[in-house]
């Protein structure tokens, strides 16, 4: 992880962890510690490389995508989960008018 791209992914990951609304200080949370430990563990040095080239970066990018997508899904559900519309409301929405129900014969 010698390039600046992994740092961008790391910052993005930590930002998504902040959006999870974890109670307390983020630096003390296990998820935060785990992400930083993994970045330190797979850091490319002159003496060791990670298992496959860019594998750790790819995993971090995938996890970041998962966190971001889950957050965006929650936001969309909150915005559009007001329930089902009635048939009459749906017809009015597109500019149609339902026929009146026939009156029962007596």
PDB file of N, CA and C in Angstrom:
ATOM      1  N   UNK A   1       0.833  -1.183   0.000  1.00  0.00           N
ATOM      2  CA  UNK A   1       0.000   0.000   0.000  1.00  0.00           C
ATOM      3  C   UNK A   1       0.874   1.242   0.000  1.00  0.00           C
ATOM      4  N   UNK A   2       1.620   1.403  -1.035  1.00  0.00           N
ATOM      5  CA  UNK A   2       2.553   2.504  -1.096  1.00  0.00           C
ATOM      6  C   UNK A   2       1.962   3.739  -1.752  1.00  0.00           C
ATOM      7  N   UNK A   3       0.924   3.585  -2.543  1.00  0.00           N
ATOM      8  CA  UNK A   3       0.363   4.738  -3.246  1.00  0.00           C
ATOM      9  C   UNK A   3      -0.612   5.492  -2.357  1.00  0.00           C
ATOM     10  N   UNK A   4      -1.126   6.606  -2.853  1.00  0.00           N
ATOM     11  CA  UNK A   4      -2.060   7.408  -2.067  1.00  0.00           C
ATOM     12  C   UNK A   4      -3.483   6.865  -2.167  1.00  0.00           C
ATOM     13  N   UNK A   5      -3.757   5.997  -3.133  1.00  0.00           N
ATOM     14  CA  UNK A   5      -5.097   5.437  -3.290  1.00  0.00           C
ATOM     15  C   UNK A   5      -5.581   4.712  -2.040  1.00  0.00           C
ATOM     16  N   UNK A   6      -4.765   3.877  -1.391  1.00  0.00           N
ATOM     17  CA  UNK A   6      -5.231   3.220  -0.163  1.00  0.00           C
ATOM     18  C   UNK A   6      -5.577   4.206   0.946  1.00  0.00           C
ATOM     19  N   UNK A   7      -4.896   5.325   1.005  1.00  0.00           N
ATOM     20  CA  UNK A   7      -5.228   6.325   2.022  1.00  0.00           C
ATOM     21  C   UNK A   7      -6.603   6.924   1.762  1.00  0.00           C
ATOM     22  N   UNK A   8      -6.930   7.104   0.506  1.00  0.00           N
ATOM     23  CA  UNK A   8      -8.259   7.627   0.159  1.00  0.00           C
ATOM     24  C   UNK A   8      -9.328   6.622   0.572  1.00  0.00           C
ATOM     25  N   UNK A   9      -9.079   5.342   0.300  1.00  0.00           N
ATOM     26  CA  UNK A   9     -10.036   4.301   0.683  1.00  0.00           C
ATOM     27  C   UNK A   9     -10.143   4.220   2.208  1.00  0.00           C
ATOM     28  N   UNK A  10      -9.024   4.340   2.907  1.00  0.00           N
ATOM     29  CA  UNK A  10      -9.045   4.313   4.372  1.00  0.00           C
ATOM     30  C   UNK A  10      -9.868   5.469   4.934  1.00  0.00           C
ATOM     31  N   UNK A  11      -9.652   6.662   4.425  1.00  0.00           N
ATOM     32  CA  UNK A  11     -10.433   7.815   4.888  1.00  0.00           C
ATOM     33  C   UNK A  11     -11.917   7.609   4.615  1.00  0.00           C
ATOM     34  N   UNK A  12     -12.220   7.050   3.456  1.00  0.00           N
ATOM     35  CA  UNK A  12     -13.612   6.785   3.104  1.00  0.00           C
ATOM     36  C   UNK A  12     -14.227   5.737   4.031  1.00  0.00           C
ATOM     37  N   UNK A  13     -13.463   4.695   4.343  1.00  0.00           N
ATOM     38  CA  UNK A  13     -13.936   3.673   5.278  1.00  0.00           C
ATOM     39  C   UNK A  13     -14.228   4.265   6.653  1.00  0.00           C
ATOM     40  N   UNK A  14     -13.318   5.070   7.139  1.00  0.00           N
ATOM     41  CA  UNK A  14     -13.512   5.673   8.460  1.00  0.00           C
ATOM     42  C   UNK A  14     -14.692   6.637   8.463  1.00  0.00           C
ATOM     43  N   UNK A  15     -14.915   7.325   7.364  1.00  0.00           N
ATOM     44  CA  UNK A  15     -16.069   8.217   7.250  1.00  0.00           C
ATOM     45  C   UNK A  15     -17.361   7.411   7.330  1.00  0.00           C
ATOM     46  N   UNK A  16     -17.408   6.266   6.630  1.00  0.00           N
ATOM     47  CA  UNK A  16     -18.601   5.421   6.681  1.00  0.00           C
ATOM     48  C   UNK A  16     -18.831   4.861   8.077  1.00  0.00           C
ATOM     49  N   UNK A  17     -17.746   4.542   8.785  1.00  0.00           N
ATOM     50  CA  UNK A  17     -17.902   4.076  10.165  1.00  0.00           C
ATOM     51  C   UNK A  17     -18.485   5.174  11.051  1.00  0.00           C
ATOM     52  N   UNK A  18     -18.122   6.419  10.787  1.00  0.00           N
ATOM     53  CA  UNK A  18     -18.697   7.530  11.550  1.00  0.00           C
ATOM     54  C   UNK A  18     -20.194   7.661  11.274  1.00  0.00           C
ATOM     55  N   UNK A  19     -20.616   7.386  10.026  1.00  0.00           N
ATOM     56  CA  UNK A  19     -22.034   7.487   9.673  1.00  0.00           C
ATOM     57  C   UNK A  19     -22.885   6.422  10.347  1.00  0.00           C
ATOM     58  N   UNK A  20     -22.260   5.371  10.864  1.00  0.00           N
ATOM     59  CA  UNK A  20     -23.021   4.312  11.524  1.00  0.00           C
ATOM     60  C   UNK A  20     -23.606   4.746  12.859  1.00  0.00           C
ATOM     61  N   UNK A  21     -23.292   5.946  13.301  1.00  0.00           N
ATOM     62  CA  UNK A  21     -23.790   6.494  14.562  1.00  0.00           C
ATOM     63  C   UNK A  21     -23.425   5.603  15.739  1.00  0.00           C
ATOM     64  N   UNK A  22     -22.185   5.192  15.782  1.00  0.00           N
ATOM     65  CA  UNK A  22     -21.711   4.406  16.921  1.00  0.00           C
ATOM     66  C   UNK A  22     -21.633   5.303  18.142  1.00  0.00           C
ATOM     67  N   UNK A  23     -22.103   4.799  19.261  1.00  0.00           N
ATOM     68  CA  UNK A  23     -22.082   5.580  20.493  1.00  0.00           C
ATOM     69  C   UNK A  23     -20.667   5.602  21.061  1.00  0.00           C
ATOM     70  N   UNK A  24     -20.238   6.724  21.550  1.00  0.00           N
ATOM     71  CA  UNK A  24     -18.918   6.842  22.152  1.00  0.00           C
ATOM     72  C   UNK A  24     -17.869   7.285  21.145  1.00  0.00           C
ATOM     73  N   UNK A  25     -16.629   7.197  21.559  1.00  0.00           N
ATOM     74  CA  UNK A  25     -15.507   7.636  20.742  1.00  0.00           C
ATOM     75  C   UNK A  25     -15.217   6.575  19.691  1.00  0.00           C
ATOM     76  N   UNK A  26     -15.116   6.993  18.442  1.00  0.00           N
ATOM     77  CA  UNK A  26     -14.906   6.065  17.332  1.00  0.00           C
ATOM     78  C   UNK A  26     -13.581   5.325  17.452  1.00  0.00           C
ATOM     79  N   UNK A  27     -12.551   5.986  17.944  1.00  0.00           N
ATOM     80  CA  UNK A  27     -11.227   5.381  18.029  1.00  0.00           C
ATOM     81  C   UNK A  27     -11.190   4.184  18.983  1.00  0.00           C
ATOM     82  N   UNK A  28     -12.170   4.054  19.857  1.00  0.00           N
ATOM     83  CA  UNK A  28     -12.202   2.942  20.805  1.00  0.00           C
ATOM     84  C   UNK A  28     -13.069   1.792  20.320  1.00  0.00           C
ATOM     85  N   UNK A  29     -13.699   1.932  19.189  1.00  0.00           N
ATOM     86  CA  UNK A  29     -14.585   0.891  18.673  1.00  0.00           C
ATOM     87  C   UNK A  29     -13.780  -0.218  18.001  1.00  0.00           C
ATOM     88  N   UNK A  30     -14.227  -1.466  18.150  1.00  0.00           N
ATOM     89  CA  UNK A  30     -13.501  -2.599  17.548  1.00  0.00           C
ATOM     90  C   UNK A  30     -13.400  -2.507  16.026  1.00  0.00           C
ATOM     91  N   UNK A  31     -14.441  -2.019  15.371  1.00  0.00           N
ATOM     92  CA  UNK A  31     -14.401  -1.924  13.904  1.00  0.00           C
ATOM     93  C   UNK A  31     -13.313  -0.951  13.460  1.00  0.00           C
ATOM     94  N   UNK A  32     -13.202   0.160  14.143  1.00  0.00           N
ATOM     95  CA  UNK A  32     -12.180   1.159  13.817  1.00  0.00           C
ATOM     96  C   UNK A  32     -10.782   0.573  14.022  1.00  0.00           C
ATOM     97  N   UNK A  33     -10.586  -0.079  15.157  1.00  0.00           N
ATOM     98  CA  UNK A  33      -9.280  -0.689  15.457  1.00  0.00           C
ATOM     99  C   UNK A  33      -8.945  -1.781  14.452  1.00  0.00           C
ATOM    100  N   UNK A  34      -9.927  -2.574  14.067  1.00  0.00           N
ATOM    101  CA  UNK A  34      -9.697  -3.652  13.110  1.00  0.00           C
ATOM    102  C   UNK A  34      -9.261  -3.110  11.749  1.00  0.00           C
ATOM    103  N   UNK A  35      -9.937  -2.073  11.276  1.00  0.00           N
ATOM    104  CA  UNK A  35      -9.591  -1.494   9.972  1.00  0.00           C
ATOM    105  C   UNK A  35      -8.172  -0.953   9.998  1.00  0.00           C
ATOM    106  N   UNK A  36      -7.814  -0.231  11.039  1.00  0.00           N
ATOM    107  CA  UNK A  36      -6.457   0.301  11.117  1.00  0.00           C
ATOM    108  C   UNK A  36      -5.415  -0.803  11.251  1.00  0.00           C
ATOM    109  N   UNK A  37      -5.736  -1.848  12.022  1.00  0.00           N
ATOM    110  CA  UNK A  37      -4.806  -2.977  12.158  1.00  0.00           C
ATOM    111  C   UNK A  37      -4.578  -3.671  10.812  1.00  0.00           C
ATOM    112  N   UNK A  38      -5.641  -3.830  10.048  1.00  0.00           N
ATOM    113  CA  UNK A  38      -5.502  -4.473   8.742  1.00  0.00           C
ATOM    114  C   UNK A  38      -4.667  -3.614   7.794  1.00  0.00           C
ATOM    115  N   UNK A  39      -4.862  -2.311   7.840  1.00  0.00           N
ATOM    116  CA  UNK A  39      -4.059  -1.428   6.991  1.00  0.00           C
ATOM    117  C   UNK A  39      -2.584  -1.495   7.378  1.00  0.00           C
ATOM    118  N   UNK A  40      -2.323  -1.558   8.661  1.00  0.00           N
ATOM    119  CA  UNK A  40      -0.925  -1.664   9.102  1.00  0.00           C
ATOM    120  C   UNK A  40      -0.335  -3.031   8.749  1.00  0.00           C
ATOM    121  N   UNK A  41      -1.142  -4.069   8.877  1.00  0.00           N
ATOM    122  CA  UNK A  41      -0.676  -5.426   8.622  1.00  0.00           C
ATOM    123  C   UNK A  41      -0.301  -5.631   7.152  1.00  0.00           C
ATOM    124  N   UNK A  42      -1.078  -5.078   6.233  1.00  0.00           N
ATOM    125  CA  UNK A  42      -0.850  -5.298   4.810  1.00  0.00           C
ATOM    126  C   UNK A  42      -0.134  -4.137   4.140  1.00  0.00           C
ATOM    127  N   UNK A  43       0.494  -3.315   4.928  1.00  0.00           N
ATOM    128  CA  UNK A  43       1.249  -2.203   4.380  1.00  0.00           C
ATOM    129  C   UNK A  43       2.478  -2.753   3.652  1.00  0.00           C
ATOM    130  N   UNK A  44       2.723  -2.261   2.453  1.00  0.00           N
ATOM    131  CA  UNK A  44       3.862  -2.726   1.669  1.00  0.00           C
ATOM    132  C   UNK A  44       5.125  -2.053   2.180  1.00  0.00           C
ATOM    133  N   UNK A  45       6.115  -2.846   2.501  1.00  0.00           N
ATOM    134  CA  UNK A  45       7.415  -2.325   2.903  1.00  0.00           C
ATOM    135  C   UNK A  45       8.471  -2.972   2.011  1.00  0.00           C
ATOM    136  N   UNK A  46       9.695  -2.636   2.243  1.00  0.00           N
ATOM    137  CA  UNK A  46      10.758  -3.241   1.439  1.00  0.00           C
ATOM    138  C   UNK A  46      10.980  -4.698   1.833  1.00  0.00           C
ATOM    139  N   UNK A  47      10.502  -5.090   3.014  1.00  0.00           N
ATOM    140  CA  UNK A  47      10.751  -6.441   3.497  1.00  0.00           C
ATOM    141  C   UNK A  47       9.592  -7.400   3.257  1.00  0.00           C
ATOM    142  N   UNK A  48       8.384  -6.891   3.150  1.00  0.00           N
ATOM    143  CA  UNK A  48       7.263  -7.800   2.938  1.00  0.00           C
ATOM    144  C   UNK A  48       6.198  -7.138   2.087  1.00  0.00           C
ATOM    145  N   UNK A  49       5.476  -7.931   1.382  1.00  0.00           N
ATOM    146  CA  UNK A  49       4.343  -7.485   0.574  1.00  0.00           C
ATOM    147  C   UNK A  49       3.111  -8.237   1.022  1.00  0.00           C
ATOM    148  N   UNK A  50       1.972  -7.689   0.724  1.00  0.00           N
ATOM    149  CA  UNK A  50       0.750  -8.399   1.075  1.00  0.00           C
ATOM    150  C   UNK A  50       0.571  -9.597   0.134  1.00  0.00           C
ATOM    151  N   UNK A  51      -0.368 -10.462   0.450  1.00  0.00           N
ATOM    152  CA  UNK A  51      -0.513 -11.744  -0.235  1.00  0.00           C
ATOM    153  C   UNK A  51      -0.523 -11.609  -1.758  1.00  0.00           C
ATOM    154  N   UNK A  52      -1.362 -10.789  -2.280  1.00  0.00           N
ATOM    155  CA  UNK A  52      -1.407 -10.556  -3.715  1.00  0.00           C
ATOM    156  C   UNK A  52      -1.386  -9.053  -3.937  1.00  0.00           C
ATOM    157  N   UNK A  53      -0.903  -8.665  -5.056  1.00  0.00           N
ATOM    158  CA  UNK A  53      -0.785  -7.233  -5.319  1.00  0.00           C
ATOM    159  C   UNK A  53      -2.166  -6.592  -5.275  1.00  0.00           C
ATOM    160  N   UNK A  54      -2.302  -5.602  -4.466  1.00  0.00           N
ATOM    161  CA  UNK A  54      -3.539  -4.819  -4.320  1.00  0.00           C
ATOM    162  C   UNK A  54      -4.720  -5.617  -3.764  1.00  0.00           C
ATOM    163  N   UNK A  55      -4.504  -6.793  -3.211  1.00  0.00           N
ATOM    164  CA  UNK A  55      -5.621  -7.571  -2.671  1.00  0.00           C
ATOM    165  C   UNK A  55      -6.236  -6.884  -1.467  1.00  0.00           C
ATOM    166  N   UNK A  56      -5.417  -6.404  -0.565  1.00  0.00           N
ATOM    167  CA  UNK A  56      -5.935  -5.736   0.631  1.00  0.00           C
ATOM    168  C   UNK A  56      -6.668  -4.451   0.251  1.00  0.00           C
ATOM    169  N   UNK A  57      -6.140  -3.737  -0.714  1.00  0.00           N
ATOM    170  CA  UNK A  57      -6.815  -2.512  -1.164  1.00  0.00           C
ATOM    171  C   UNK A  57      -8.164  -2.843  -1.788  1.00  0.00           C
ATOM    172  N   UNK A  58      -8.209  -3.913  -2.559  1.00  0.00           N
ATOM    173  CA  UNK A  58      -9.472  -4.327  -3.169  1.00  0.00           C
ATOM    174  C   UNK A  58     -10.494  -4.706  -2.094  1.00  0.00           C
ATOM    175  N   UNK A  59     -10.052  -5.452  -1.078  1.00  0.00           N
ATOM    176  CA  UNK A  59     -10.948  -5.822   0.021  1.00  0.00           C
ATOM    177  C   UNK A  59     -11.460  -4.590   0.761  1.00  0.00           C
ATOM    178  N   UNK A  60     -10.600  -3.626   0.991  1.00  0.00           N
ATOM    179  CA  UNK A  60     -11.006  -2.396   1.670  1.00  0.00           C
ATOM    180  C   UNK A  60     -12.005  -1.620   0.826  1.00  0.00           C
ATOM    181  N   UNK A  61     -11.743  -1.554  -0.461  1.00  0.00           N
ATOM    182  CA  UNK A  61     -12.657  -0.839  -1.360  1.00  0.00           C
ATOM    183  C   UNK A  61     -14.024  -1.537  -1.389  1.00  0.00           C
ATOM    184  N   UNK A  62     -14.032  -2.859  -1.413  1.00  0.00           N
ATOM    185  CA  UNK A  62     -15.286  -3.613  -1.422  1.00  0.00           C
ATOM    186  C   UNK A  62     -16.060  -3.404  -0.125  1.00  0.00           C
ATOM    187  N   UNK A  63     -15.374  -3.422   1.010  1.00  0.00           N
ATOM    188  CA  UNK A  63     -16.025  -3.207   2.297  1.00  0.00           C
ATOM    189  C   UNK A  63     -16.586  -1.788   2.384  1.00  0.00           C
ATOM    190  N   UNK A  64     -15.841  -0.830   1.861  1.00  0.00           N
ATOM    191  CA  UNK A  64     -16.315   0.548   1.838  1.00  0.00           C
ATOM    192  C   UNK A  64     -17.584   0.663   0.999  1.00  0.00           C
ATOM    193  N   UNK A  65     -17.608  -0.006  -0.132  1.00  0.00           N
ATOM    194  CA  UNK A  65     -18.788   0.004  -0.994  1.00  0.00           C
ATOM    195  C   UNK A  65     -19.986  -0.605  -0.267  1.00  0.00           C
ATOM    196  N   UNK A  66     -19.756  -1.682   0.469  1.00  0.00           N
ATOM    197  CA  UNK A  66     -20.819  -2.316   1.234  1.00  0.00           C
ATOM    198  C   UNK A  66     -21.385  -1.364   2.287  1.00  0.00           C
ATOM    199  N   UNK A  67     -20.517  -0.706   3.040  1.00  0.00           N
ATOM    200  CA  UNK A  67     -20.981   0.223   4.071  1.00  0.00           C
ATOM    201  C   UNK A  67     -21.752   1.389   3.477  1.00  0.00           C
ATOM    202  N   UNK A  68     -21.224   1.962   2.390  1.00  0.00           N
ATOM    203  CA  UNK A  68     -21.884   3.099   1.750  1.00  0.00           C
ATOM    204  C   UNK A  68     -23.244   2.691   1.190  1.00  0.00           C
ATOM    205  N   UNK A  69     -23.314   1.534   0.551  1.00  0.00           N
ATOM    206  CA  UNK A  69     -24.574   1.070  -0.031  1.00  0.00           C
ATOM    207  C   UNK A  69     -25.613   0.785   1.048  1.00  0.00           C
ATOM    208  N   UNK A  70     -25.195   0.206   2.159  1.00  0.00           N
ATOM    209  CA  UNK A  70     -26.124  -0.062   3.255  1.00  0.00           C
ATOM    210  C   UNK A  70     -26.663   1.243   3.836  1.00  0.00           C
ATOM    211  N   UNK A  71     -25.791   2.230   3.977  1.00  0.00           N
ATOM    212  CA  UNK A  71     -26.240   3.531   4.497  1.00  0.00           C
ATOM    213  C   UNK A  71     -27.218   4.198   3.533  1.00  0.00           C
ATOM    214  N   UNK A  72     -26.906   4.163   2.237  1.00  0.00           N
ATOM    215  CA  UNK A  72     -27.787   4.784   1.252  1.00  0.00           C
ATOM    216  C   UNK A  72     -29.127   4.058   1.175  1.00  0.00           C
ATOM    217  N   UNK A  73     -29.126   2.735   1.353  1.00  0.00           N
ATOM    218  CA  UNK A  73     -30.370   1.981   1.377  1.00  0.00           C
ATOM    219  C   UNK A  73     -31.235   2.404   2.553  1.00  0.00           C
ATOM    220  N   UNK A  74     -30.629   2.596   3.715  1.00  0.00           N
ATOM    221  CA  UNK A  74     -31.393   3.053   4.874  1.00  0.00           C
ATOM    222  C   UNK A  74     -31.988   4.430   4.632  1.00  0.00           C
ATOM    223  N   UNK A  75     -31.214   5.313   3.998  1.00  0.00           N
ATOM    224  CA  UNK A  75     -31.719   6.649   3.699  1.00  0.00           C
ATOM    225  C   UNK A  75     -32.891   6.591   2.723  1.00  0.00           C
ATOM    226  N   UNK A  76     -32.782   5.748   1.687  1.00  0.00           N
ATOM    227  CA  UNK A  76     -33.874   5.611   0.726  1.00  0.00           C
ATOM    228  C   UNK A  76     -35.115   5.004   1.367  1.00  0.00           C
ATOM    229  N   UNK A  77     -34.918   4.001   2.211  1.00  0.00           N
ATOM    230  CA  UNK A  77     -36.066   3.405   2.897  1.00  0.00           C
ATOM    231  C   UNK A  77     -36.755   4.417   3.804  1.00  0.00           C
ATOM    232  N   UNK A  78     -35.981   5.242   4.470  1.00  0.00           N
ATOM    233  CA  UNK A  78     -36.573   6.259   5.344  1.00  0.00           C
ATOM    234  C   UNK A  78     -37.342   7.291   4.525  1.00  0.00           C
ATOM    235  N   UNK A  79     -36.830   7.614   3.339  1.00  0.00           N
ATOM    236  CA  UNK A  79     -37.478   8.634   2.519  1.00  0.00           C
ATOM    237  C   UNK A  79     -38.737   8.124   1.823  1.00  0.00           C
ATOM    238  N   UNK A  80     -38.756   6.858   1.433  1.00  0.00           N
ATOM    239  CA  UNK A  80     -39.857   6.360   0.612  1.00  0.00           C
ATOM    240  C   UNK A  80     -40.677   5.266   1.266  1.00  0.00           C
ATOM    241  N   UNK A  81     -40.600   5.088   2.546  1.00  0.00           N
ATOM    242  CA  UNK A  81     -41.346   4.000   3.181  1.00  0.00           C
ATOM    243  C   UNK A  81     -42.597   4.499   3.877  1.00  0.00           C
ATOM    244  N   UNK A  82     -43.374   5.280   3.188  1.00  0.00           N
ATOM    245  CA  UNK A  82     -44.588   5.799   3.807  1.00  0.00           C
ATOM    246  C   UNK A  82     -45.765   4.856   3.638  1.00  0.00           C
ATOM    247  N   UNK A  83     -45.600   3.757   2.940  1.00  0.00           N
ATOM    248  CA  UNK A  83     -46.654   2.762   2.813  1.00  0.00           C
ATOM    249  C   UNK A  83     -47.256   2.733   1.418  1.00  0.00           C
ATOM    250  N   UNK A  84     -48.212   1.863   1.253  1.00  0.00           N
ATOM    251  CA  UNK A  84     -48.876   1.686  -0.035  1.00  0.00           C
ATOM    252  C   UNK A  84     -49.915   2.788  -0.248  1.00  0.00           C
ATOM    253  N   UNK A  85     -50.091   3.151  -1.496  1.00  0.00           N
ATOM    254  CA  UNK A  85     -51.154   4.088  -1.855  1.00  0.00           C
ATOM    255  C   UNK A  85     -52.409   3.302  -2.198  1.00  0.00           C
ATOM    256  N   UNK A  86     -53.530   3.941  -2.023  1.00  0.00           N
ATOM    257  CA  UNK A  86     -54.772   3.307  -2.450  1.00  0.00           C
ATOM    258  C   UNK A  86     -54.865   3.401  -3.966  1.00  0.00           C
ATOM    259  N   UNK A  87     -55.780   2.657  -4.538  1.00  0.00           N
ATOM    260  CA  UNK A  87     -55.969   2.675  -5.992  1.00  0.00           C
ATOM    261  C   UNK A  87     -56.403   4.071  -6.434  1.00  0.00           C
ATOM    262  N   UNK A  88     -57.239   4.694  -5.654  1.00  0.00           N
ATOM    263  CA  UNK A  88     -57.721   6.032  -6.004  1.00  0.00           C
ATOM    264  C   UNK A  88     -56.579   7.056  -5.972  1.00  0.00           C
ATOM    265  N   UNK A  89     -55.717   6.990  -4.961  1.00  0.00           N
ATOM    266  CA  UNK A  89     -54.565   7.901  -4.892  1.00  0.00           C
ATOM    267  C   UNK A  89     -53.620   7.686  -6.070  1.00  0.00           C
ATOM    268  N   UNK A  90     -53.398   6.429  -6.431  1.00  0.00           N
ATOM    269  CA  UNK A  90     -52.520   6.134  -7.565  1.00  0.00           C
ATOM    270  C   UNK A  90     -53.107   6.648  -8.869  1.00  0.00           C
ATOM    271  N   UNK A  91     -54.400   6.504  -9.044  1.00  0.00           N
ATOM    272  CA  UNK A  91     -55.053   7.001 -10.251  1.00  0.00           C
ATOM    273  C   UNK A  91     -54.976   8.523 -10.311  1.00  0.00           C
ATOM    274  N   UNK A  92     -55.196   9.180  -9.204  1.00  0.00           N
ATOM    275  CA  UNK A  92     -55.106  10.641  -9.174  1.00  0.00           C
ATOM    276  C   UNK A  92     -53.685  11.117  -9.439  1.00  0.00           C
ATOM    277  N   UNK A  93     -52.710  10.350  -9.027  1.00  0.00           N
ATOM    278  CA  UNK A  93     -51.316  10.699  -9.215  1.00  0.00           C
ATOM    279  C   UNK A  93     -50.957  10.810 -10.696  1.00  0.00           C
ATOM    280  N   UNK A  94     -51.534   9.931 -11.521  1.00  0.00           N
ATOM    281  CA  UNK A  94     -51.237   9.955 -12.959  1.00  0.00           C
ATOM    282  C   UNK A  94     -52.300  10.696 -13.756  1.00  0.00           C
ATOM    283  N   UNK A  95     -53.254  11.312 -13.073  1.00  0.00           N
ATOM    284  CA  UNK A  95     -54.243  12.144 -13.738  1.00  0.00           C
ATOM    285  C   UNK A  95     -55.477  11.400 -14.211  1.00  0.00           C
ATOM    286  N   UNK A  96     -55.742  10.245 -13.676  1.00  0.00           N
ATOM    287  CA  UNK A  96     -56.934   9.486 -14.053  1.00  0.00           C
ATOM    288  C   UNK A  96     -57.972   9.591 -12.950  1.00  0.00           C
ATOM    289  N   UNK A  97     -59.205   9.316 -13.339  1.00  0.00           N
ATOM    290  CA  UNK A  97     -60.291   9.344 -12.363  1.00  0.00           C
ATOM    291  C   UNK A  97     -60.991   8.007 -12.415  1.00  0.00           C
ATOM    292  N   UNK A  98     -61.200   7.410 -11.263  1.00  0.00           N
ATOM    293  CA  UNK A  98     -61.873   6.119 -11.203  1.00  0.00           C
ATOM    294  C   UNK A  98     -63.364   6.294 -11.431  1.00  0.00           C
ATOM    295  N   UNK A  99     -63.983   5.314 -12.078  1.00  0.00           N
ATOM    296  CA  UNK A  99     -65.440   5.390 -12.235  1.00  0.00           C
ATOM    297  C   UNK A  99     -66.112   5.228 -10.875  1.00  0.00           C
ATOM    298  N   UNK A 100     -67.250   5.836 -10.765  1.00  0.00           N
ATOM    299  CA  UNK A 100     -67.966   5.738  -9.495  1.00  0.00           C
ATOM    300  C   UNK A 100     -68.562   4.346  -9.354  1.00  0.00           C
ATOM    301  N   UNK A 101     -68.597   3.868  -8.138  1.00  0.00           N
ATOM    302  CA  UNK A 101     -69.154   2.526  -7.872  1.00  0.00           C
ATOM    303  C   UNK A 101     -70.645   2.558  -8.102  1.00  0.00           C
ATOM    304  N   UNK A 102     -71.184   1.504  -8.689  1.00  0.00           N
ATOM    305  CA  UNK A 102     -72.647   1.482  -8.905  1.00  0.00           C
ATOM    306  C   UNK A 102     -73.387   1.402  -7.571  1.00  0.00           C
ATOM    307  N   UNK A 103     -74.542   2.050  -7.555  1.00  0.00           N
ATOM    308  CA  UNK A 103     -75.346   2.044  -6.344  1.00  0.00           C
ATOM    309  C   UNK A 103     -76.134   0.735  -6.294  1.00  0.00           C
ATOM    310  N   UNK A 104     -76.246   0.146  -5.104  1.00  0.00           N
ATOM    311  CA  UNK A 104     -76.977  -1.124  -5.007  1.00  0.00           C
ATOM    312  C   UNK A 104     -78.470  -0.929  -5.301  1.00  0.00           C
ATOM    313  N   UNK A 105     -79.045  -1.923  -5.950  1.00  0.00           N
ATOM    314  CA  UNK A 105     -80.482  -1.889  -6.257  1.00  0.00           C
ATOM    315  C   UNK A 105     -81.279  -2.247  -5.014  1.00  0.00           C
ATOM    316  N   UNK A 106     -82.416  -1.547  -4.840  1.00  0.00           N
ATOM    317  CA  UNK A 106     -83.258  -1.849  -3.678  1.00  0.00           C
ATOM    318  C   UNK A 106     -84.649  -2.130  -4.091  1.00  0.00           C
TER     319      UNK A 106
END
